[in-house]
C-alpha cells in the first residue's frame, strides 16, 4: 500500500522532475545557443579585470547591489554575467537582473531580468515556483519518494533461486503481465539511481539537518587545521590585501 499510493501521488511530480531535470542538464548550452550575442564576445578573453567590472556595474546601476558573478566555462570568449539585486530589497529571483559584461572592452553588452524561461524552469524543478516554501515541499516529496522506492524494493525482492527471473523481461508475455514486468524489472535496475537522486536532493534542500545527522555518526575533519595561512594544492597563494582582480585570477 505504501508503494502503490506514494507512486500514484508522486507520479506526476516524478515525471515533471525528470523532464525539467533533463532540460536543465543542458541549460548552459541552450542559453548560449539561444542568445549568442549576449553569451559570447568577439574574441577570446585573457586576464579579467574584476575590479573594473565591479566599478562599471556600480556606476551604471547605482541603485542596485552585486549578488554574484556567473561564468559557464564553456568557451574562451564568454561574457561574464553579473547578477544584481535592488539595494533596498532582499535577494529574489523575481527582482534579479543579469548584466552581460565583455571583460575585454569592459562594456555591458546587455542587461535583462534573470527570470528567463530557462530560469523559470529551474525554479519549477527546485521549488515548484514557490520559493523556499516550494523547496521545502519538494524536499518532503523526496522523503515520500524514498519511502516508496524502499517499499517497492521490499515488494519486489525475489525468493532464493528466482533472481534471474526477477531481473529478466519477457517480451512475449501477455500485455498485463508485460506491463507489470516492465514496471518491476525497470524499477529493480533503476532503484539505486532514483534513491541517489532523491537523497542528494535532500542534501541540497536541507543541508543543515543532513550535516547534523552526518556529524552525529561520523567525525569529519580536515587532515590538519585550516587557517588563513594554509596553502591549498595547485592554488597560488593570494597576497593579503591584493585587489579583487589579483585574488580571483590567482585562483583561476
Protein backbone atom coordinates (compact mmCIF):
# COMPACT_ATOMS: atom_id res chain seq x y z
CA UNK A 1 0.00 0.00 0.00
CA UNK A 2 2.86 2.41 0.80
CA UNK A 3 4.49 1.71 -2.53
CA UNK A 4 1.25 1.94 -4.52
CA UNK A 5 -0.09 5.16 -3.05
CA UNK A 6 3.23 7.02 -2.99
CA UNK A 7 3.64 6.04 -6.64
CA UNK A 8 0.16 7.28 -7.55
CA UNK A 9 0.51 10.55 -5.65
CA UNK A 10 4.08 11.30 -6.75
CA UNK A 11 3.83 10.03 -10.31
CA UNK A 12 3.09 13.40 -11.93
CA UNK A 13 5.75 15.14 -9.85
CA UNK A 14 8.35 12.49 -10.74
CA UNK A 15 7.53 12.93 -14.43
CA UNK A 16 7.85 16.72 -14.05
CA UNK A 17 11.20 16.37 -12.27
CA UNK A 18 12.50 14.06 -14.97
CA UNK A 19 11.50 16.33 -17.86
CA UNK A 20 12.71 19.57 -16.28
CA UNK A 21 15.88 17.93 -14.98
CA UNK A 22 16.74 16.60 -18.44
CA UNK A 23 16.45 20.10 -19.89
CA UNK A 24 18.39 21.66 -17.01
CA UNK A 25 21.28 19.29 -17.65
CA UNK A 26 21.88 21.20 -20.91
CA UNK A 27 20.74 24.66 -19.80
CA UNK A 28 24.17 26.26 -20.24
CA UNK A 29 24.47 25.10 -23.83
CA UNK A 30 20.85 26.06 -24.56
CA UNK A 31 21.32 29.57 -23.16
CA UNK A 32 24.40 30.23 -25.27
CA UNK A 33 22.68 28.81 -28.38
CA UNK A 34 19.58 30.97 -27.97
CA UNK A 35 21.42 34.23 -27.19
CA UNK A 36 24.94 34.02 -28.66
CA UNK A 37 25.24 37.81 -28.85
CA UNK A 38 24.90 38.02 -25.06
CA UNK A 39 26.91 34.99 -24.01
CA UNK A 40 29.86 35.34 -26.42
CA UNK A 41 32.37 38.10 -27.13
CA UNK A 42 34.10 38.89 -30.41
CA UNK A 43 37.45 37.48 -29.29
CA UNK A 44 38.85 35.23 -26.58
CA UNK A 45 39.49 36.99 -23.29
CA UNK A 46 42.63 37.00 -21.22
CA UNK A 47 43.09 38.19 -17.68
CA UNK A 48 39.84 39.55 -16.24
CA UNK A 49 39.70 42.94 -14.52
CA UNK A 50 37.10 42.09 -11.88
CA UNK A 51 37.62 45.39 -10.07
CA UNK A 52 36.83 47.22 -13.31
CA UNK A 53 33.67 45.16 -13.76
CA UNK A 54 32.55 45.95 -10.22
CA UNK A 55 33.13 49.67 -10.77
CA UNK A 56 31.30 49.54 -14.11
CA UNK A 57 28.20 47.92 -12.58
CA UNK A 58 28.17 50.31 -9.62
CA UNK A 59 28.42 53.34 -11.89
CA UNK A 60 25.78 52.07 -14.33
CA UNK A 61 23.29 50.84 -11.73
CA UNK A 62 23.91 52.82 -8.51
CA UNK A 63 20.57 51.69 -7.05
CA UNK A 64 21.47 48.01 -7.25
CA UNK A 65 23.98 45.81 -5.45
CA UNK A 66 26.01 42.94 -6.82
CA UNK A 67 24.95 39.47 -5.72
CA UNK A 68 27.48 37.31 -7.55
CA UNK A 69 29.29 36.70 -10.83
CA UNK A 70 28.48 33.82 -13.20
CA UNK A 71 30.53 32.20 -15.93
CA UNK A 72 29.83 28.89 -17.62
CA UNK A 73 33.41 27.97 -18.66
CA UNK A 74 32.15 26.56 -21.97
CA UNK A 75 34.13 28.76 -24.36
CA UNK A 76 37.20 31.05 -24.29
CA UNK A 77 35.14 34.06 -25.41
CA UNK A 78 32.37 34.06 -22.81
CA UNK A 79 30.95 37.20 -21.34
CA UNK A 80 30.80 37.47 -17.57
CA UNK A 81 27.33 37.75 -16.08
CA UNK A 82 26.89 39.97 -13.05
CA UNK A 83 23.76 39.27 -11.00
CA UNK A 84 22.39 42.32 -9.17
CA UNK A 85 19.53 42.97 -6.75
CA UNK A 86 17.71 46.15 -5.70
CA UNK A 87 19.80 47.72 -2.94
CA UNK A 88 16.86 48.06 -0.56
CA UNK A 89 15.30 44.61 -1.07
CA UNK A 90 16.07 41.04 -0.10
CA UNK A 91 17.55 38.95 -2.96
CA UNK A 92 14.86 37.30 -5.05
CA UNK A 93 14.91 35.63 -8.49
CA UNK A 94 11.88 37.78 -9.35
CA UNK A 95 13.82 41.04 -8.95
CA UNK A 96 17.28 39.91 -10.13
CA UNK A 97 18.96 41.39 -13.18
CA UNK A 98 21.85 39.88 -15.06
CA UNK A 99 24.30 42.14 -16.87
CA UNK A 100 26.46 40.62 -19.61
CA UNK A 101 29.90 42.25 -19.49
CA UNK A 102 32.61 41.96 -22.14
CA UNK A 103 35.72 41.69 -19.93
CA UNK A 104 37.99 42.69 -22.82
CA UNK A 105 36.38 46.06 -23.53
CA UNK A 106 34.75 46.49 -20.09
CA UNK A 107 31.40 47.23 -21.70
CA UNK A 108 27.94 46.00 -20.78
CA UNK A 109 26.65 44.00 -23.74
CA UNK A 110 23.09 43.63 -22.38
CA UNK A 111 21.06 43.65 -19.18
CA UNK A 112 17.85 41.73 -18.58
CA UNK A 113 15.83 40.14 -15.76
CA UNK A 114 17.21 36.74 -14.80
CA UNK A 115 13.71 35.24 -14.83
CA UNK A 116 14.01 33.84 -18.34
CA UNK A 117 12.03 30.75 -19.44
CA UNK A 118 15.01 28.53 -18.54
CA UNK A 119 15.35 30.19 -15.13
CA UNK A 120 11.62 29.70 -14.54
CA UNK A 121 12.05 26.05 -15.50
CA UNK A 122 14.84 25.74 -12.93
CA UNK A 123 12.65 27.31 -10.24
CA UNK A 124 9.88 24.90 -11.20
CA UNK A 125 12.28 21.97 -10.89
CA UNK A 126 13.69 23.00 -7.50
CA UNK A 127 10.71 24.58 -5.77
CA UNK A 128 7.58 24.49 -7.94
CA UNK A 129 7.90 28.29 -8.46
CA UNK A 130 7.10 28.84 -4.78
CA UNK A 131 10.47 29.98 -3.42
CA UNK A 132 11.87 28.46 -0.25
CA UNK A 133 8.47 27.11 0.79
CA UNK A 134 8.29 25.23 -2.51
CA UNK A 135 11.79 23.83 -1.99
CA UNK A 136 10.79 22.51 1.44
CA UNK A 137 7.65 20.97 -0.05
CA UNK A 138 9.74 19.30 -2.77
CA UNK A 139 12.07 18.03 -0.05
CA UNK A 140 9.20 16.30 1.75
CA UNK A 141 8.04 14.84 -1.58
CA UNK A 142 11.56 13.46 -1.90
CA UNK A 143 11.23 11.81 1.51
CA UNK A 144 7.97 10.16 0.41
CA UNK A 145 9.69 9.08 -2.82
CA UNK A 146 12.46 7.37 -0.83
CA UNK A 147 9.83 5.57 1.27
CA UNK A 148 8.00 4.44 -1.86
CA UNK A 149 11.20 3.19 -3.50
CA UNK A 150 12.23 1.21 -0.44
CA UNK A 151 8.75 -0.27 -0.12
CA UNK A 152 8.85 -1.22 -3.80
CA UNK A 153 12.20 -2.93 -3.32
CA UNK A 154 10.77 -4.96 -0.43
CA UNK A 155 7.73 -5.97 -2.50
CA UNK A 156 9.90 -6.91 -5.50
CA UNK A 157 12.65 -8.79 -3.58
CA UNK A 158 12.73 -12.29 -5.11
CA UNK A 159 12.86 -15.56 -3.25
CA UNK A 160 16.04 -17.61 -3.21
CA UNK A 161 16.82 -19.02 -6.63
CA UNK A 162 14.47 -16.64 -8.52
CA UNK A 163 16.81 -13.71 -9.08
CA UNK A 164 17.29 -14.45 -12.77
CA UNK A 165 13.55 -14.41 -13.40
CA UNK A 166 13.10 -11.24 -11.36
CA UNK A 167 15.68 -9.36 -13.45
CA UNK A 168 14.54 -10.59 -16.88
CA UNK A 169 11.82 -9.08 -19.05
CA UNK A 170 9.80 -11.45 -21.26
CA UNK A 171 8.53 -9.51 -24.27
CA UNK A 172 6.25 -12.41 -25.27
CA UNK A 173 4.15 -12.17 -22.10
CA UNK A 174 0.50 -11.02 -22.35
CA UNK A 175 0.08 -7.23 -22.18
CA UNK A 176 -0.98 -7.00 -18.50
CA UNK A 177 1.87 -9.27 -17.46
CA UNK A 178 4.31 -7.42 -19.74
CA UNK A 179 3.39 -4.04 -18.23
CA UNK A 180 3.75 -5.44 -14.70
CA UNK A 181 7.13 -6.95 -15.51
CA UNK A 182 8.27 -3.76 -17.24
CA UNK A 183 7.45 -1.81 -14.10
CA UNK A 184 9.13 -4.20 -11.67
CA UNK A 185 12.21 -5.02 -13.76
CA UNK A 186 12.87 -1.40 -14.71
CA UNK A 187 12.35 -0.41 -11.08
CA UNK A 188 14.85 -3.03 -9.95
CA UNK A 189 17.50 -1.74 -12.32
CA UNK A 190 16.94 1.97 -11.60
CA UNK A 191 16.08 1.95 -7.88
CA UNK A 192 19.66 2.78 -6.87
CA UNK A 193 19.78 5.71 -9.31
CA UNK A 194 16.43 7.06 -8.11
CA UNK A 195 17.42 6.69 -4.46
CA UNK A 196 20.67 8.55 -5.17
CA UNK A 197 18.82 11.38 -6.91
CA UNK A 198 16.28 11.66 -4.09
CA UNK A 199 18.83 11.57 -1.27
CA UNK A 200 21.25 14.03 -2.87
CA UNK A 201 18.28 16.32 -3.50
CA UNK A 202 17.54 16.24 0.22
CA UNK A 203 21.13 17.26 0.94
CA UNK A 204 20.72 20.28 -1.37
CA UNK A 205 17.39 21.35 0.15
CA UNK A 206 18.14 20.56 3.82
CA UNK A 207 21.93 21.00 4.17
CA UNK A 208 21.96 21.81 7.90
CA UNK A 209 19.79 18.92 9.13
CA UNK A 210 21.71 16.50 6.91
CA UNK A 211 25.03 17.83 8.23
CA UNK A 212 23.78 17.40 11.79
CA UNK A 213 22.83 13.77 11.08
CA UNK A 214 26.19 13.05 9.44
CA UNK A 215 28.09 14.71 12.29
CA UNK A 216 26.19 12.57 14.80
CA UNK A 217 27.58 9.37 13.29
CA UNK A 218 30.85 10.40 11.61
CA UNK A 219 33.68 12.68 12.63
CA UNK A 220 34.50 14.90 9.66
CA UNK A 221 37.72 16.86 9.96
CA UNK A 222 40.48 18.02 7.58
CA UNK A 223 43.90 16.32 7.78
CA UNK A 224 45.22 19.45 9.52
CA UNK A 225 43.78 22.62 10.95
CA UNK A 226 42.74 25.09 8.25
CA UNK A 227 43.97 28.64 8.82
CA UNK A 228 44.42 31.74 6.69
CA UNK A 229 47.99 30.62 6.01
CA UNK A 230 47.03 27.17 4.71
CA UNK A 231 48.40 26.54 1.22
CA UNK A 232 45.89 24.71 -0.99
CA UNK A 233 47.40 22.27 -3.55
CA UNK A 234 47.63 23.79 -7.02
CA UNK A 235 46.44 27.24 -5.90
CA UNK A 236 48.76 30.21 -5.94
CA UNK A 237 48.70 31.94 -2.58
CA UNK A 238 46.83 35.26 -2.61
CA UNK A 239 48.62 38.37 -1.48
CA UNK A 240 46.95 39.81 1.61
CA UNK A 241 45.11 42.98 0.73
CA UNK A 242 45.56 42.50 -3.01
CA UNK A 243 42.90 43.88 -5.38
CA UNK A 244 39.97 41.65 -6.26
CA UNK A 245 41.34 41.03 -9.77
CA UNK A 246 44.64 39.65 -8.48
CA UNK A 247 42.95 37.43 -5.92
CA UNK A 248 40.43 35.89 -8.35
CA UNK A 249 42.95 35.49 -11.18
CA UNK A 250 45.29 33.73 -8.74
CA UNK A 251 42.56 31.20 -8.02
CA UNK A 252 41.91 30.77 -11.75
